[in-house]
Amino acid sequence: MINLRKLKESIVLITSAKKGNVIGTGFAFYQQEDYTYLLTCAHVVEDVGGEENLRVNDIPVELLEIGDPQGFDLAILKVKYIFPPLTLMILYGEQERSFEIKIPGNFLMGENKARRRQIITGIMMVDGETALQTIDNKEEEVAVGKLEIDKGELQKGYSGAPVVDLETGFVLGVTTHKVDKEGAKEGTFGTAISIEALEKIWREMPTEIYEKIERESLETSEDLSTVETVENSEDLSTVETPVEPVENPDNLSAEEIIALKKLDVPKNSPAQQITPPFDVITVNSKGEEISRLSDKAPFFTEDLGNGVILEMLYIPGGNFIMGSPENEEGRYEYENPQHQVTLKPFYMSKYPITQNQYQAIMEKNPCYFKGGKRPVEYVSWYDATKFCQKLSQKTRKNYRLPSESQWEYACRAGTTTPFYFGETITSELVNYDGNYTYANAPKGKDRQETTDVGSFPPNAFGLYDMHGNVWEWCQDVWHDNYKPSGKFRFKDLLSRVSGKLEDAPTDGSSWEAGGHTHTRVLRGGSWYDNPRDCRSAFRCWDYADDYYYDWGFRVVYLPGLLPPPFCP
């Protein structure tokens, strides 16, 4: 089974510094210190205008080696940024074989050329077809895989995307072209070049990278599942690998320990349990399901007393682009400017805080819509902060409201679309006012009340109700956008002189300097709102001492920080 979260985070967007509508896909295959090595197609590099115009997630990149677009259509890039690497696999043997595969790629959608990413599925057939290229006066050849897509479609922008084996999680090839066949749906067929091309064009490949590549032995080439994995290799699969001894406070099974290692959970993390499998759903602009993948998430629990449990999910560190792109439908100016944020791992409550949980800590229930499993509402920012302080005292852990960037990072869970479900939402996926629509989705239900937490599908981190149900307070002071206010205020002038007035933080911390000090950020939308206001990037504010029957919150745990301040 593929680690969907890691797969998404390894994918990069290839763009041009000069050509706005030329894109491709790349992916990480090796990481060293502050640098990551990436693979894409040679023709993608040519299409964007060469190395001087080449950008990876808008970052300049170094071109290490490049093959012939008519032969070994592969390019190796190096960028000063950290992306989690995928494991490469070289196949040998000439017998015909087929593999169930997934391909995550970028594409441009609609007339406004919105940049989107999607994982498609199908099979790759290896039947003896090869690509040829002359290297050092010698004709070399490597296998070419034939792709047949059964869910989704190959589109412009998928060039350079990894072809990932569903069974092992290894990258078997790199997507190069789509192939038109008479009578077939466009985007159904394509080609991929073998990872062996990497070795052919990169003659001076460092030894440490060479040793990270999995190689199918000739004796076992008829059965990929028998391949042994290299110790310490970072793969996406559930293939059994040697596991170092770890602390096992909960007497975990060997399978659970292996799963934790696959999910890159630190040994000293309190998240030493794994959730049951959950479905991660993606829909198109009509709200039609186009993908359903299974995933798991590490977590730990807090016993709040009287049988009330708080589940805290491990959110891996990473980076993302915060805010909305200019071509996103329904965006507001205060979602500007988009900027990159890098976050350390943290823990977030699986659901918005429920009435049972709030009652267990605060010994009262202020809600309009009563129900122990419903989210708490009718709470101010001060109420939510006081809950965090009391929870910290009870558990001796440092609980807080999430920063705005933590919230959006957790909500997106690796997606770049308006919603973590994809291009739109429906009332079967989210509790919002279904009288309103987004993109091409149909109208749906208007429930006019909160629903039990966990009633709708989660995102790839395993978090529920990040869209709709109740608004969620964040720690941050409200700012009109992600730049300091353009309005002159004497207090801001003093902050500027003292060095405290800055752009939005890029490290995942909350933004406390400047802004409108009596107001705080709300995120996620609610049962009362239209889908536009439930988008991942949408921001809202209200007074910190105010409350309403669609305002709630969830909590984060950040090891090593001081407890939150006391709020009377």
Foldseek 3Di string as FASTA:
>chain_A
DFLVLLLLQQKWWKAFQPDHQQIAIKGFADDDDQKTKIKFFLVSCVVNPHQVGIDTNNFRKAWDWQDDLQFLGMTMIMGRHDTRHAAAEFADDQAKDKFKWKWWWWFFDDPVRDIFIDIFIFMKIWHRDWGWDQDPNRIDIFTKIKTFTDFDFDDRRSGHIFTAGPAFQHGFFTWHFADDDPPDDHRGIGMTTGPVSVCVTCVPDDPVSVVLHFYDDPVCSVPPLPGAHDPPRQHGHQRDHDDDDADDPPVDDPSLRSVCVNVVPDRPDQQSGKDDWFWAWAAELAAHTRDIDIHIWTWHWDDLDPPDIWIKTKDAWHKDWAFADPPQPLGDPQSDDTDMATEHIWIWTQWFAFQLNLCSQVVDAPAPDDDRQWHGFQDFLLSQQQSQLSVCVVVVFAKGFFALVVLLCQQCSSGREQGLNHPFHACQAEQAQQVAGGRNYHRDDLPVAADGWPSHGGHSSSHTLLAARAWAWGPAADASHQAADPDDDVQVVVCVVVVNHGGADRHRDHRHPHHDNQKTKIAQYYNYHHRSRRTSNHIDMDGRRGTDNRHTHIMMTDPPDDHRDNRD
